[in-house]
Structures are given as C-alpha cells and as structure tokens.
Amino acid sequence: MATRACSRRRSQVTQSTASTVRALALERMLEIELRDELAPDAPAADASALLAELLDTALVCTHREVIERLFDGDVTCEKGAAWVVDRVAGRLDAVAYVPSPTSRERASPNAFV
C-alpha cells in the first residue's frame, strides 16, 4: 500500500483506503495519507501508535475490526458507522457513535444525524 505525505495543516486525513474520505479531503484541500496501520488485519498496537502520532484534529478512516481491537472489544461498530474518539493524556476514549446511514434509514426514514 502506498503512503503519501499528509498536508501539514491544522487538520489531517489518514486512512487505509483512499475512496471513503476523498470528497472531504478535496473540499478541505488536504492530502490523504494511506497507512497500513489502519488495514483490517493491522495489529491494535500499530494502529494505536499511529493515532498517538497524529495531529490533534485528524480524520481517521479505518475498518470496524480495527476500532473493535483498539477498544479491546468494549465497543462495536457496524459497517459504514463511525466513532468520534478523543485522545486525552495519550488514552483513546470512544465518546460518540454515529450509526451507518442505512441503519438510520431503517430506524426512521426521516432521521438525519
């Protein structure tokens, strides 16, 4: 997997594949940094080390398996969903879950998050 240098702005976009956040990165004029540490089979220690290196404001796009490993199975994540994660004193804290768009549609056709 190729790795590209990320823009040194106040925000950062890092992920394991390029397609998911491409539109947002283009809109904000940020480069996407592809990282093996965010791949589905990446060890939690590698992903955790990468997250510790990132800027305070970063969008990280990875796979649900990685999220679940990072939190030792204490959180779940369905395909297409998202977690808002804070980093406090070097520790990750899962603070908000955003269900996938298809889950929101099933729950309420008029619901928007």
N, C-alpha and C. Protein backbone atom coordinates (compact mmCIF):
# COMPACT_ATOMS: atom_id res chain seq x y z
N MET A 1 0.83 -1.16 0.00
CA MET A 1 0.00 0.00 0.00
C MET A 1 0.89 1.24 0.00
N ALA A 2 0.59 2.18 -0.85
CA ALA A 2 1.38 3.40 -0.94
C ALA A 2 1.09 4.33 0.22
N THR A 3 2.05 5.09 0.61
CA THR A 3 1.88 6.09 1.65
C THR A 3 2.24 7.44 1.07
N ARG A 4 1.38 8.40 1.26
CA ARG A 4 1.64 9.75 0.78
C ARG A 4 1.77 10.68 1.98
N ALA A 5 2.58 11.67 1.84
CA ALA A 5 2.73 12.65 2.92
C ALA A 5 1.45 13.46 3.04
N CYS A 6 1.09 13.73 4.25
CA CYS A 6 -0.13 14.50 4.52
C CYS A 6 0.21 15.98 4.60
N SER A 7 -0.72 16.80 4.22
CA SER A 7 -0.56 18.23 4.34
C SER A 7 -0.28 18.60 5.79
N ARG A 8 0.59 19.52 6.03
CA ARG A 8 0.93 19.96 7.39
C ARG A 8 0.05 21.12 7.81
N ARG A 9 -1.23 20.96 7.67
CA ARG A 9 -2.19 21.96 8.11
C ARG A 9 -2.67 21.60 9.50
N ARG A 10 -3.69 22.29 9.97
CA ARG A 10 -4.21 22.04 11.30
C ARG A 10 -5.10 20.80 11.33
N SER A 11 -5.41 20.25 10.20
CA SER A 11 -6.22 19.04 10.13
C SER A 11 -5.46 17.99 9.34
N GLN A 12 -5.87 16.75 9.52
CA GLN A 12 -5.17 15.65 8.87
C GLN A 12 -6.18 14.59 8.50
N VAL A 13 -5.99 13.96 7.35
CA VAL A 13 -6.85 12.87 6.90
C VAL A 13 -5.96 11.65 6.69
N THR A 14 -6.24 10.60 7.43
CA THR A 14 -5.44 9.39 7.38
C THR A 14 -6.37 8.20 7.28
N GLN A 15 -6.08 7.27 6.40
CA GLN A 15 -6.94 6.10 6.27
C GLN A 15 -6.21 4.96 5.61
N SER A 16 -6.91 3.81 5.53
CA SER A 16 -6.29 2.63 4.93
C SER A 16 -6.60 2.52 3.44
N THR A 17 -7.69 3.12 2.96
CA THR A 17 -8.02 3.14 1.54
C THR A 17 -8.40 4.57 1.16
N ALA A 18 -8.28 4.92 -0.09
CA ALA A 18 -8.43 6.32 -0.47
C ALA A 18 -9.85 6.76 -0.79
N SER A 19 -10.76 5.88 -1.08
CA SER A 19 -12.05 6.31 -1.62
C SER A 19 -13.02 6.88 -0.60
N THR A 20 -13.00 6.43 0.64
CA THR A 20 -14.03 6.80 1.61
C THR A 20 -14.07 8.28 1.93
N VAL A 21 -12.95 8.92 2.11
CA VAL A 21 -12.92 10.33 2.51
C VAL A 21 -12.39 11.26 1.42
N ARG A 22 -12.32 10.78 0.21
CA ARG A 22 -11.76 11.58 -0.89
C ARG A 22 -12.48 12.91 -1.08
N ALA A 23 -13.80 12.91 -1.09
CA ALA A 23 -14.55 14.16 -1.33
C ALA A 23 -14.26 15.19 -0.24
N LEU A 24 -14.23 14.76 1.01
CA LEU A 24 -13.94 15.67 2.11
C LEU A 24 -12.52 16.23 2.00
N ALA A 25 -11.58 15.37 1.70
CA ALA A 25 -10.19 15.82 1.57
C ALA A 25 -10.05 16.84 0.44
N LEU A 26 -10.72 16.60 -0.68
CA LEU A 26 -10.66 17.55 -1.79
C LEU A 26 -11.29 18.88 -1.40
N GLU A 27 -12.44 18.83 -0.72
CA GLU A 27 -13.11 20.06 -0.30
C GLU A 27 -12.25 20.88 0.64
N ARG A 28 -11.53 20.21 1.54
CA ARG A 28 -10.70 20.91 2.53
C ARG A 28 -9.27 21.12 2.04
N MET A 29 -8.98 20.68 0.83
CA MET A 29 -7.66 20.80 0.22
C MET A 29 -6.59 20.13 1.08
N LEU A 30 -6.89 18.91 1.51
CA LEU A 30 -5.96 18.10 2.29
C LEU A 30 -5.56 16.87 1.51
N GLU A 31 -4.34 16.44 1.68
CA GLU A 31 -3.90 15.19 1.08
C GLU A 31 -4.33 14.04 1.98
N ILE A 32 -4.56 12.90 1.37
CA ILE A 32 -4.90 11.70 2.12
C ILE A 32 -3.62 10.90 2.31
N GLU A 33 -3.38 10.51 3.53
CA GLU A 33 -2.21 9.69 3.85
C GLU A 33 -2.69 8.26 4.03
N LEU A 34 -2.24 7.36 3.17
CA LEU A 34 -2.62 5.95 3.27
C LEU A 34 -1.66 5.24 4.20
N ARG A 35 -2.21 4.50 5.17
CA ARG A 35 -1.37 3.86 6.18
C ARG A 35 -1.77 2.41 6.40
N ASP A 36 -0.79 1.53 6.37
CA ASP A 36 -1.03 0.11 6.61
C ASP A 36 -1.52 -0.17 8.03
N GLU A 37 -1.19 0.72 8.96
CA GLU A 37 -1.60 0.54 10.36
C GLU A 37 -3.10 0.57 10.54
N LEU A 38 -3.85 1.01 9.52
CA LEU A 38 -5.30 1.11 9.59
C LEU A 38 -6.00 0.02 8.80
N ALA A 39 -5.24 -0.91 8.24
CA ALA A 39 -5.82 -2.02 7.47
C ALA A 39 -6.59 -2.95 8.39
N PRO A 40 -7.55 -3.72 7.86
CA PRO A 40 -8.38 -4.59 8.69
C PRO A 40 -7.59 -5.58 9.55
N ASP A 41 -6.46 -6.03 9.07
CA ASP A 41 -5.69 -7.03 9.82
C ASP A 41 -4.53 -6.41 10.60
N ALA A 42 -4.51 -5.09 10.69
CA ALA A 42 -3.43 -4.41 11.41
C ALA A 42 -3.52 -4.67 12.91
N PRO A 43 -2.40 -4.94 13.54
CA PRO A 43 -2.42 -5.12 15.00
C PRO A 43 -2.86 -3.83 15.71
N ALA A 44 -3.58 -3.99 16.81
CA ALA A 44 -4.07 -2.83 17.57
C ALA A 44 -2.90 -1.94 18.01
N ALA A 45 -1.78 -2.53 18.36
CA ALA A 45 -0.62 -1.75 18.81
C ALA A 45 -0.13 -0.82 17.70
N ASP A 46 -0.14 -1.29 16.45
CA ASP A 46 0.30 -0.45 15.33
C ASP A 46 -0.67 0.70 15.09
N ALA A 47 -1.97 0.40 15.12
CA ALA A 47 -2.98 1.45 14.93
C ALA A 47 -2.90 2.46 16.07
N SER A 48 -2.75 1.98 17.28
CA SER A 48 -2.66 2.85 18.45
C SER A 48 -1.44 3.77 18.37
N ALA A 49 -0.31 3.23 17.95
CA ALA A 49 0.90 4.03 17.81
C ALA A 49 0.71 5.13 16.76
N LEU A 50 0.05 4.79 15.65
CA LEU A 50 -0.22 5.79 14.62
C LEU A 50 -1.12 6.89 15.18
N LEU A 51 -2.17 6.53 15.87
CA LEU A 51 -3.09 7.52 16.41
C LEU A 51 -2.39 8.46 17.39
N ALA A 52 -1.43 7.95 18.12
CA ALA A 52 -0.68 8.78 19.06
C ALA A 52 0.17 9.83 18.34
N GLU A 53 0.56 9.56 17.10
CA GLU A 53 1.40 10.47 16.32
C GLU A 53 0.62 11.57 15.61
N LEU A 54 -0.68 11.39 15.43
CA LEU A 54 -1.46 12.30 14.61
C LEU A 54 -1.66 13.66 15.26
N LEU A 55 -1.98 14.62 14.42
CA LEU A 55 -2.34 15.94 14.90
C LEU A 55 -3.57 15.84 15.79
N ASP A 56 -3.81 16.84 16.61
CA ASP A 56 -4.97 16.82 17.50
C ASP A 56 -6.29 16.78 16.73
N THR A 57 -6.31 17.41 15.56
CA THR A 57 -7.51 17.40 14.73
C THR A 57 -7.22 16.53 13.52
N ALA A 58 -7.75 15.31 13.55
CA ALA A 58 -7.49 14.38 12.45
C ALA A 58 -8.74 13.57 12.17
N LEU A 59 -8.96 13.29 10.91
CA LEU A 59 -10.00 12.35 10.50
C LEU A 59 -9.28 11.07 10.15
N VAL A 60 -9.66 10.00 10.82
CA VAL A 60 -9.05 8.70 10.56
C VAL A 60 -10.14 7.77 10.07
N CYS A 61 -9.94 7.21 8.91
CA CYS A 61 -10.90 6.28 8.34
C CYS A 61 -10.26 4.90 8.34
N THR A 62 -10.91 3.97 9.02
CA THR A 62 -10.37 2.62 9.10
C THR A 62 -11.52 1.63 9.02
N HIS A 63 -11.30 0.44 9.48
CA HIS A 63 -12.29 -0.63 9.41
C HIS A 63 -12.81 -0.95 10.80
N ARG A 64 -14.03 -1.47 10.85
CA ARG A 64 -14.64 -1.75 12.15
C ARG A 64 -13.81 -2.71 12.98
N GLU A 65 -13.12 -3.64 12.33
CA GLU A 65 -12.28 -4.58 13.06
C GLU A 65 -11.18 -3.85 13.84
N VAL A 66 -10.64 -2.80 13.23
CA VAL A 66 -9.57 -2.04 13.87
C VAL A 66 -10.13 -1.29 15.09
N ILE A 67 -11.28 -0.66 14.92
CA ILE A 67 -11.92 0.06 16.03
C ILE A 67 -12.19 -0.89 17.19
N GLU A 68 -12.75 -2.04 16.88
CA GLU A 68 -13.07 -3.01 17.93
C GLU A 68 -11.81 -3.50 18.64
N ARG A 69 -10.71 -3.70 17.89
CA ARG A 69 -9.45 -4.11 18.53
C ARG A 69 -8.85 -2.99 19.38
N LEU A 70 -8.95 -1.76 18.90
CA LEU A 70 -8.39 -0.63 19.66
C LEU A 70 -9.03 -0.50 21.04
N PHE A 71 -10.29 -0.89 21.14
CA PHE A 71 -11.01 -0.78 22.41
C PHE A 71 -11.25 -2.15 23.04
N ASP A 72 -10.42 -3.12 22.70
CA ASP A 72 -10.48 -4.46 23.29
C ASP A 72 -11.87 -5.07 23.27
N GLY A 73 -12.63 -4.80 22.23
CA GLY A 73 -13.98 -5.37 22.11
C GLY A 73 -15.02 -4.69 22.97
N ASP A 74 -14.66 -3.60 23.67
CA ASP A 74 -15.62 -2.89 24.51
C ASP A 74 -16.60 -2.04 23.70
N VAL A 75 -16.29 -1.78 22.43
CA VAL A 75 -17.20 -1.07 21.54
C VAL A 75 -17.42 -1.93 20.30
N THR A 76 -18.55 -1.74 19.67
CA THR A 76 -18.82 -2.41 18.40
C THR A 76 -19.03 -1.33 17.35
N CYS A 77 -18.89 -1.73 16.11
CA CYS A 77 -19.02 -0.78 15.03
C CYS A 77 -19.53 -1.53 13.81
N GLU A 78 -20.69 -1.14 13.33
CA GLU A 78 -21.22 -1.79 12.13
C GLU A 78 -20.58 -1.17 10.89
N LYS A 79 -20.65 -1.88 9.79
CA LYS A 79 -20.10 -1.38 8.53
C LYS A 79 -20.77 -0.05 8.18
N GLY A 80 -19.95 0.94 7.86
CA GLY A 80 -20.46 2.25 7.47
C GLY A 80 -20.71 3.19 8.63
N ALA A 81 -20.54 2.73 9.85
CA ALA A 81 -20.75 3.58 11.02
C ALA A 81 -19.46 4.31 11.37
N ALA A 82 -19.54 5.16 12.38
CA ALA A 82 -18.36 5.93 12.79
C ALA A 82 -18.35 6.12 14.30
N TRP A 83 -17.16 6.29 14.82
CA TRP A 83 -16.95 6.65 16.21
C TRP A 83 -16.24 7.98 16.27
N VAL A 84 -16.66 8.85 17.16
CA VAL A 84 -15.91 10.05 17.49
C VAL A 84 -15.03 9.65 18.66
N VAL A 85 -13.73 9.83 18.50
CA VAL A 85 -12.77 9.39 19.51
C VAL A 85 -11.93 10.58 19.96
N ASP A 86 -11.82 10.74 21.25
CA ASP A 86 -10.94 11.76 21.82
C ASP A 86 -9.66 11.09 22.30
N ARG A 87 -8.59 11.86 22.28
CA ARG A 87 -7.32 11.39 22.83
C ARG A 87 -6.99 12.30 24.00
N VAL A 88 -7.03 11.73 25.20
CA VAL A 88 -6.79 12.50 26.41
C VAL A 88 -5.63 11.87 27.16
N ALA A 89 -4.57 12.64 27.35
CA ALA A 89 -3.39 12.16 28.06
C ALA A 89 -2.89 10.83 27.47
N GLY A 90 -2.91 10.76 26.13
CA GLY A 90 -2.40 9.57 25.45
C GLY A 90 -3.35 8.38 25.42
N ARG A 91 -4.53 8.53 26.00
CA ARG A 91 -5.51 7.45 26.06
C ARG A 91 -6.66 7.74 25.11
N LEU A 92 -7.13 6.72 24.37
CA LEU A 92 -8.27 6.88 23.47
C LEU A 92 -9.57 6.69 24.23
N ASP A 93 -10.54 7.56 23.94
CA ASP A 93 -11.84 7.49 24.58
C ASP A 93 -12.91 7.57 23.50
N ALA A 94 -13.69 6.51 23.35
CA ALA A 94 -14.79 6.49 22.38
C ALA A 94 -15.95 7.28 22.97
N VAL A 95 -16.23 8.46 22.41
CA VAL A 95 -17.20 9.35 23.04
C VAL A 95 -18.56 9.40 22.36
N ALA A 96 -18.64 9.10 21.07
CA ALA A 96 -19.94 9.16 20.39
C ALA A 96 -19.96 8.20 19.22
N TYR A 97 -21.07 7.50 19.08
CA TYR A 97 -21.25 6.55 17.98
C TYR A 97 -22.21 7.15 16.96
N VAL A 98 -21.85 7.09 15.70
CA VAL A 98 -22.70 7.57 14.62
C VAL A 98 -23.05 6.35 13.76
N PRO A 99 -24.30 5.88 13.84
CA PRO A 99 -24.70 4.70 13.07
C PRO A 99 -24.54 4.92 11.57
N SER A 100 -24.48 3.83 10.83
CA SER A 100 -24.37 3.93 9.38
C SER A 100 -25.63 4.56 8.82
N PRO A 101 -25.53 5.20 7.67
CA PRO A 101 -26.73 5.81 7.06
C PRO A 101 -27.85 4.79 6.85
N THR A 102 -27.51 3.57 6.48
CA THR A 102 -28.56 2.57 6.27
C THR A 102 -29.25 2.20 7.57
N SER A 103 -28.55 2.18 8.68
CA SER A 103 -29.18 1.91 9.98
C SER A 103 -30.12 3.04 10.36
N ARG A 104 -29.70 4.28 10.11
CA ARG A 104 -30.55 5.42 10.43
C ARG A 104 -31.82 5.39 9.60
N GLU A 105 -31.69 4.99 8.31
CA GLU A 105 -32.87 4.91 7.45
C GLU A 105 -33.83 3.83 7.94
N ARG A 106 -33.30 2.69 8.38
CA ARG A 106 -34.16 1.61 8.90
C ARG A 106 -34.87 2.06 10.17
N ALA A 107 -34.16 2.81 11.03
CA ALA A 107 -34.74 3.25 12.30
C ALA A 107 -35.82 4.29 12.08
N SER A 108 -35.58 5.22 11.20
CA SER A 108 -36.54 6.27 10.90
C SER A 108 -36.21 6.86 9.53
N PRO A 109 -37.10 6.68 8.56
CA PRO A 109 -36.80 7.16 7.20
C PRO A 109 -36.53 8.65 7.13
N ASN A 110 -37.01 9.44 8.11
CA ASN A 110 -36.82 10.89 8.07
C ASN A 110 -35.73 11.36 9.02
N ALA A 111 -35.00 10.43 9.64
CA ALA A 111 -33.99 10.82 10.63
C ALA A 111 -32.69 11.20 9.96
N PHE A 112 -32.11 12.27 10.42
CA PHE A 112 -30.79 12.69 9.96
C PHE A 112 -29.93 12.93 11.19
N VAL A 113 -28.67 12.57 11.11
CA VAL A 113 -27.74 12.82 12.21
C VAL A 113 -26.78 13.89 11.77
